[in-house]
PDB file of N, CA and C in Angstrom:
ATOM      1  N   UNK A   1       8.021   6.680  -1.439  1.00  0.00           N
ATOM      2  CA  UNK A   1       7.161   5.741  -1.342  1.00  0.00           C
ATOM      3  C   UNK A   1       7.737   4.339  -1.555  1.00  0.00           C
ATOM      4  N   UNK A   2       7.349   3.637  -0.887  1.00  0.00           N
ATOM      5  CA  UNK A   2       7.806   2.277  -0.967  1.00  0.00           C
ATOM      6  C   UNK A   2       6.756   1.178  -1.676  1.00  0.00           C
ATOM      7  N   UNK A   3       7.312   0.329  -2.476  1.00  0.00           N
ATOM      8  CA  UNK A   3       6.465  -0.477  -3.036  1.00  0.00           C
ATOM      9  C   UNK A   3       6.804  -1.751  -2.724  1.00  0.00           C
ATOM     10  N   UNK A   4       5.751  -2.442  -2.420  1.00  0.00           N
ATOM     11  CA  UNK A   4       5.733  -4.224  -1.770  1.00  0.00           C
ATOM     12  C   UNK A   4       4.759  -4.720  -2.790  1.00  0.00           C
ATOM     13  N   UNK A   5       5.201  -6.244  -2.589  1.00  0.00           N
ATOM     14  CA  UNK A   5       4.050  -7.366  -3.257  1.00  0.00           C
ATOM     15  C   UNK A   5       3.398  -7.639  -2.084  1.00  0.00           C
ATOM     16  N   UNK A   6       2.350  -7.849  -2.371  1.00  0.00           N
ATOM     17  CA  UNK A   6       1.132  -8.288  -1.225  1.00  0.00           C
ATOM     18  C   UNK A   6       0.142  -9.553  -1.803  1.00  0.00           C
ATOM     19  N   UNK A   7       0.335 -10.714  -0.975  1.00  0.00           N
ATOM     20  CA  UNK A   7      -0.395 -11.683  -1.466  1.00  0.00           C
ATOM     21  C   UNK A   7      -1.630 -11.621  -0.685  1.00  0.00           C
ATOM     22  N   UNK A   8      -2.831 -11.711  -1.204  1.00  0.00           N
ATOM     23  CA  UNK A   8      -4.169 -11.585  -0.635  1.00  0.00           C
ATOM     24  C   UNK A   8      -4.662 -13.025  -0.913  1.00  0.00           C
ATOM     25  N   UNK A   9      -5.494 -13.655  -0.198  1.00  0.00           N
ATOM     26  CA  UNK A   9      -6.413 -14.649  -0.594  1.00  0.00           C
ATOM     27  C   UNK A   9      -7.463 -14.365  -1.453  1.00  0.00           C
ATOM     28  N   UNK A  10      -7.613 -15.470  -2.417  1.00  0.00           N
ATOM     29  CA  UNK A  10      -9.001 -14.523  -3.355  1.00  0.00           C
ATOM     30  C   UNK A  10      -9.954 -14.193  -2.813  1.00  0.00           C
ATOM     31  N   UNK A  11     -10.534 -14.788  -1.619  1.00  0.00           N
ATOM     32  CA  UNK A  11     -12.005 -14.212  -1.010  1.00  0.00           C
ATOM     33  C   UNK A  11     -11.454 -12.714  -0.419  1.00  0.00           C
ATOM     34  N   UNK A  12     -10.526 -12.482   0.120  1.00  0.00           N
ATOM     35  CA  UNK A  12     -10.110 -11.196   0.628  1.00  0.00           C
ATOM     36  C   UNK A  12      -9.929 -10.242  -0.402  1.00  0.00           C
ATOM     37  N   UNK A  13      -9.446 -10.482  -1.243  1.00  0.00           N
ATOM     38  CA  UNK A  13      -9.104  -9.685  -2.399  1.00  0.00           C
ATOM     39  C   UNK A  13     -10.660  -9.032  -3.126  1.00  0.00           C
ATOM     40  N   UNK A  14     -11.321 -10.206  -3.127  1.00  0.00           N
ATOM     41  CA  UNK A  14     -13.011  -9.983  -3.621  1.00  0.00           C
ATOM     42  C   UNK A  14     -13.486  -8.964  -2.788  1.00  0.00           C
ATOM     43  N   UNK A  15     -13.227  -9.187  -1.417  1.00  0.00           N
ATOM     44  CA  UNK A  15     -13.883  -8.265  -0.477  1.00  0.00           C
ATOM     45  C   UNK A  15     -13.407  -6.876  -0.693  1.00  0.00           C
ATOM     46  N   UNK A  16     -12.164  -6.561  -0.445  1.00  0.00           N
ATOM     47  CA  UNK A  16     -11.571  -5.148  -0.997  1.00  0.00           C
ATOM     48  C   UNK A  16     -11.683  -4.864  -2.144  1.00  0.00           C
ATOM     49  N   UNK A  17     -11.916  -5.636  -3.247  1.00  0.00           N
ATOM     50  CA  UNK A  17     -12.265  -4.995  -4.520  1.00  0.00           C
ATOM     51  C   UNK A  17     -13.594  -4.323  -4.608  1.00  0.00           C
ATOM     52  N   UNK A  18     -14.506  -4.968  -3.837  1.00  0.00           N
ATOM     53  CA  UNK A  18     -15.865  -4.760  -3.934  1.00  0.00           C
ATOM     54  C   UNK A  18     -15.874  -3.239  -3.114  1.00  0.00           C
ATOM     55  N   UNK A  19     -15.388  -3.568  -2.109  1.00  0.00           N
ATOM     56  CA  UNK A  19     -15.348  -2.310  -1.092  1.00  0.00           C
ATOM     57  C   UNK A  19     -14.818  -0.964  -1.756  1.00  0.00           C
ATOM     58  N   UNK A  20     -13.739  -1.230  -2.505  1.00  0.00           N
ATOM     59  CA  UNK A  20     -13.014   0.020  -3.211  1.00  0.00           C
ATOM     60  C   UNK A  20     -14.021   0.351  -4.503  1.00  0.00           C
ATOM     61  N   UNK A  21     -14.644  -0.581  -5.022  1.00  0.00           N
ATOM     62  CA  UNK A  21     -15.771  -0.077  -6.014  1.00  0.00           C
ATOM     63  C   UNK A  21     -16.748   0.624  -5.794  1.00  0.00           C
ATOM     64  N   UNK A  22     -17.117   0.174  -4.238  1.00  0.00           N
ATOM     65  CA  UNK A  22     -18.517   0.972  -3.381  1.00  0.00           C
ATOM     66  C   UNK A  22     -18.006   2.354  -3.222  1.00  0.00           C
ATOM     67  N   UNK A  23     -16.589   2.571  -2.859  1.00  0.00           N
ATOM     68  CA  UNK A  23     -16.239   3.678  -2.282  1.00  0.00           C
ATOM     69  C   UNK A  23     -15.675   4.655  -3.054  1.00  0.00           C
ATOM     70  N   UNK A  24     -15.738   3.895  -4.392  1.00  0.00           N
ATOM     71  CA  UNK A  24     -15.068   4.925  -5.776  1.00  0.00           C
ATOM     72  C   UNK A  24     -13.612   4.937  -5.563  1.00  0.00           C
ATOM     73  N   UNK A  25     -12.858   3.971  -4.959  1.00  0.00           N
ATOM     74  CA  UNK A  25     -11.206   4.240  -4.845  1.00  0.00           C
ATOM     75  C   UNK A  25     -10.696   3.083  -5.789  1.00  0.00           C
ATOM     76  N   UNK A  26      -9.592   3.203  -6.049  1.00  0.00           N
ATOM     77  CA  UNK A  26      -8.544   2.251  -6.488  1.00  0.00           C
ATOM     78  C   UNK A  26      -8.567   1.096  -5.627  1.00  0.00           C
ATOM     79  N   UNK A  27      -8.047  -0.161  -5.975  1.00  0.00           N
ATOM     80  CA  UNK A  27      -7.796  -1.093  -4.928  1.00  0.00           C
ATOM     81  C   UNK A  27      -6.497  -0.387  -3.919  1.00  0.00           C
ATOM     82  N   UNK A  28      -5.532  -0.008  -4.808  1.00  0.00           N
ATOM     83  CA  UNK A  28      -4.279   0.458  -3.760  1.00  0.00           C
ATOM     84  C   UNK A  28      -4.915   1.493  -2.709  1.00  0.00           C
ATOM     85  N   UNK A  29      -5.573   2.318  -2.915  1.00  0.00           N
ATOM     86  CA  UNK A  29      -6.365   3.549  -2.431  1.00  0.00           C
ATOM     87  C   UNK A  29      -6.977   2.839  -1.040  1.00  0.00           C
ATOM     88  N   UNK A  30      -8.022   1.913  -1.503  1.00  0.00           N
ATOM     89  CA  UNK A  30      -8.731   1.359  -0.444  1.00  0.00           C
ATOM     90  C   UNK A  30      -7.976   0.436   0.553  1.00  0.00           C
ATOM     91  N   UNK A  31      -6.752  -0.181   0.126  1.00  0.00           N
ATOM     92  CA  UNK A  31      -5.891  -0.873   1.126  1.00  0.00           C
ATOM     93  C   UNK A  31      -5.220   0.162   1.846  1.00  0.00           C
ATOM     94  N   UNK A  32      -4.899   1.085   1.234  1.00  0.00           N
ATOM     95  CA  UNK A  32      -4.284   2.421   2.053  1.00  0.00           C
ATOM     96  C   UNK A  32      -5.220   2.896   3.014  1.00  0.00           C
ATOM     97  N   UNK A  33      -5.921   3.177   3.040  1.00  0.00           N
ATOM     98  CA  UNK A  33      -7.674   3.683   3.666  1.00  0.00           C
ATOM     99  C   UNK A  33      -7.648   2.668   4.908  1.00  0.00           C
ATOM    100  N   UNK A  34      -7.927   1.503   4.287  1.00  0.00           N
ATOM    101  CA  UNK A  34      -8.087   0.321   5.420  1.00  0.00           C
ATOM    102  C   UNK A  34      -6.981   0.064   6.490  1.00  0.00           C
ATOM    103  N   UNK A  35      -5.901   0.112   6.017  1.00  0.00           N
ATOM    104  CA  UNK A  35      -4.599   0.217   6.776  1.00  0.00           C
ATOM    105  C   UNK A  35      -4.575   1.259   7.764  1.00  0.00           C
ATOM    106  N   UNK A  36      -4.594   2.650   7.129  1.00  0.00           N
ATOM    107  CA  UNK A  36      -4.569   3.793   8.003  1.00  0.00           C
ATOM    108  C   UNK A  36      -5.965   3.667   9.188  1.00  0.00           C
ATOM    109  N   UNK A  37      -7.025   2.976   8.769  1.00  0.00           N
ATOM    110  CA  UNK A  37      -8.113   3.045   9.644  1.00  0.00           C
ATOM    111  C   UNK A  37      -7.983   2.315  10.612  1.00  0.00           C
ATOM    112  N   UNK A  38      -7.235   1.150  10.339  1.00  0.00           N
ATOM    113  CA  UNK A  38      -7.134  -0.051  11.223  1.00  0.00           C
ATOM    114  C   UNK A  38      -6.015   0.350  12.195  1.00  0.00           C
ATOM    115  N   UNK A  39      -4.987   1.137  11.739  1.00  0.00           N
ATOM    116  CA  UNK A  39      -3.856   1.501  12.597  1.00  0.00           C
ATOM    117  C   UNK A  39      -3.983   2.823  13.697  1.00  0.00           C
ATOM    118  N   UNK A  40      -5.207   3.516  13.367  1.00  0.00           N
ATOM    119  CA  UNK A  40      -5.424   4.800  13.633  1.00  0.00           C
ATOM    120  C   UNK A  40      -5.783   4.564  15.289  1.00  0.00           C
ATOM    121  N   UNK A  41      -5.460   5.632  16.038  1.00  0.00           N
ATOM    122  CA  UNK A  41      -5.977   5.666  17.651  1.00  0.00           C
ATOM    123  C   UNK A  41      -7.445   5.481  17.703  1.00  0.00           C
ATOM    124  N   UNK A  42      -8.027   4.318  17.752  1.00  0.00           N
ATOM    125  CA  UNK A  42      -9.287   4.277  18.178  1.00  0.00           C
ATOM    126  C   UNK A  42      -9.351   3.366  19.489  1.00  0.00           C
ATOM    127  N   UNK A  43      -8.428   3.452  20.189  1.00  0.00           N
ATOM    128  CA  UNK A  43      -8.707   2.700  21.399  1.00  0.00           C
ATOM    129  C   UNK A  43      -7.871   1.693  21.498  1.00  0.00           C
ATOM    130  N   UNK A  44      -7.450   1.093  20.333  1.00  0.00           N
ATOM    131  CA  UNK A  44      -6.908  -0.157  20.295  1.00  0.00           C
ATOM    132  C   UNK A  44      -5.327   0.148  20.432  1.00  0.00           C
ATOM    133  N   UNK A  45      -4.450  -0.981  20.722  1.00  0.00           N
ATOM    134  CA  UNK A  45      -3.189  -1.040  20.590  1.00  0.00           C
ATOM    135  C   UNK A  45      -2.823  -1.355  19.100  1.00  0.00           C
ATOM    136  N   UNK A  46      -1.350  -0.791  18.571  1.00  0.00           N
ATOM    137  CA  UNK A  46      -1.157  -1.368  17.298  1.00  0.00           C
ATOM    138  C   UNK A  46      -0.592  -2.690  17.634  1.00  0.00           C
ATOM    139  N   UNK A  47      -0.300  -3.635  16.837  1.00  0.00           N
ATOM    140  CA  UNK A  47      -0.103  -4.971  17.000  1.00  0.00           C
ATOM    141  C   UNK A  47       1.422  -5.185  17.623  1.00  0.00           C
ATOM    142  N   UNK A  48       2.220  -4.465  17.438  1.00  0.00           N
ATOM    143  CA  UNK A  48       3.496  -4.536  17.999  1.00  0.00           C
ATOM    144  C   UNK A  48       3.584  -4.227  19.246  1.00  0.00           C
ATOM    145  N   UNK A  49       2.629  -3.195  19.706  1.00  0.00           N
ATOM    146  CA  UNK A  49       2.378  -2.951  21.201  1.00  0.00           C
ATOM    147  C   UNK A  49       1.514  -3.685  22.163  1.00  0.00           C
ATOM    148  N   UNK A  50       0.698  -4.567  21.461  1.00  0.00           N
ATOM    149  CA  UNK A  50      -0.161  -5.400  22.060  1.00  0.00           C
ATOM    150  C   UNK A  50       0.735  -6.674  22.815  1.00  0.00           C
ATOM    151  N   UNK A  51       0.151  -6.992  24.190  1.00  0.00           N
ATOM    152  CA  UNK A  51       0.893  -7.903  25.105  1.00  0.00           C
ATOM    153  C   UNK A  51       0.900  -9.267  24.278  1.00  0.00           C
ATOM    154  N   UNK A  52       2.130 -10.083  24.464  1.00  0.00           N
ATOM    155  CA  UNK A  52       1.871 -11.394  23.940  1.00  0.00           C
ATOM    156  C   UNK A  52       0.626 -12.282  24.451  1.00  0.00           C
ATOM    157  N   UNK A  53       0.280 -13.052  23.444  1.00  0.00           N
ATOM    158  CA  UNK A  53      -1.142 -13.667  23.766  1.00  0.00           C
ATOM    159  C   UNK A  53      -0.760 -15.108  24.765  1.00  0.00           C
ATOM    160  N   UNK A  54      -1.676 -15.409  25.329  1.00  0.00           N
ATOM    161  CA  UNK A  54      -1.691 -16.526  26.172  1.00  0.00           C
ATOM    162  C   UNK A  54      -0.913 -17.517  25.735  1.00  0.00           C
ATOM    163  N   UNK A  55      -0.094 -18.226  26.188  1.00  0.00           N
ATOM    164  CA  UNK A  55       0.364 -19.763  25.594  1.00  0.00           C
ATOM    165  C   UNK A  55       1.678 -19.647  24.815  1.00  0.00           C
ATOM    166  N   UNK A  56       1.828 -18.370  24.468  1.00  0.00           N
ATOM    167  CA  UNK A  56       3.178 -17.922  23.438  1.00  0.00           C
ATOM    168  C   UNK A  56       4.280 -17.368  24.545  1.00  0.00           C
ATOM    169  N   UNK A  57       5.356 -17.804  24.400  1.00  0.00           N
ATOM    170  CA  UNK A  57       6.328 -17.319  25.422  1.00  0.00           C
ATOM    171  C   UNK A  57       6.727 -15.895  24.822  1.00  0.00           C
TER     172      UNK A  57
END
């Protein structure tokens, strides 16, 4: 398992903390859940597979 340091804006931290409490998960488990959910194959491409946005070379 890899450990990282993650900086979150205060308002985002509050939202994730509230979601974790609501879902009876630790903050770490909630972040992992949200990352897995966001990266799962739900018809969207992973960020690295997305084409470059217009106006950026």
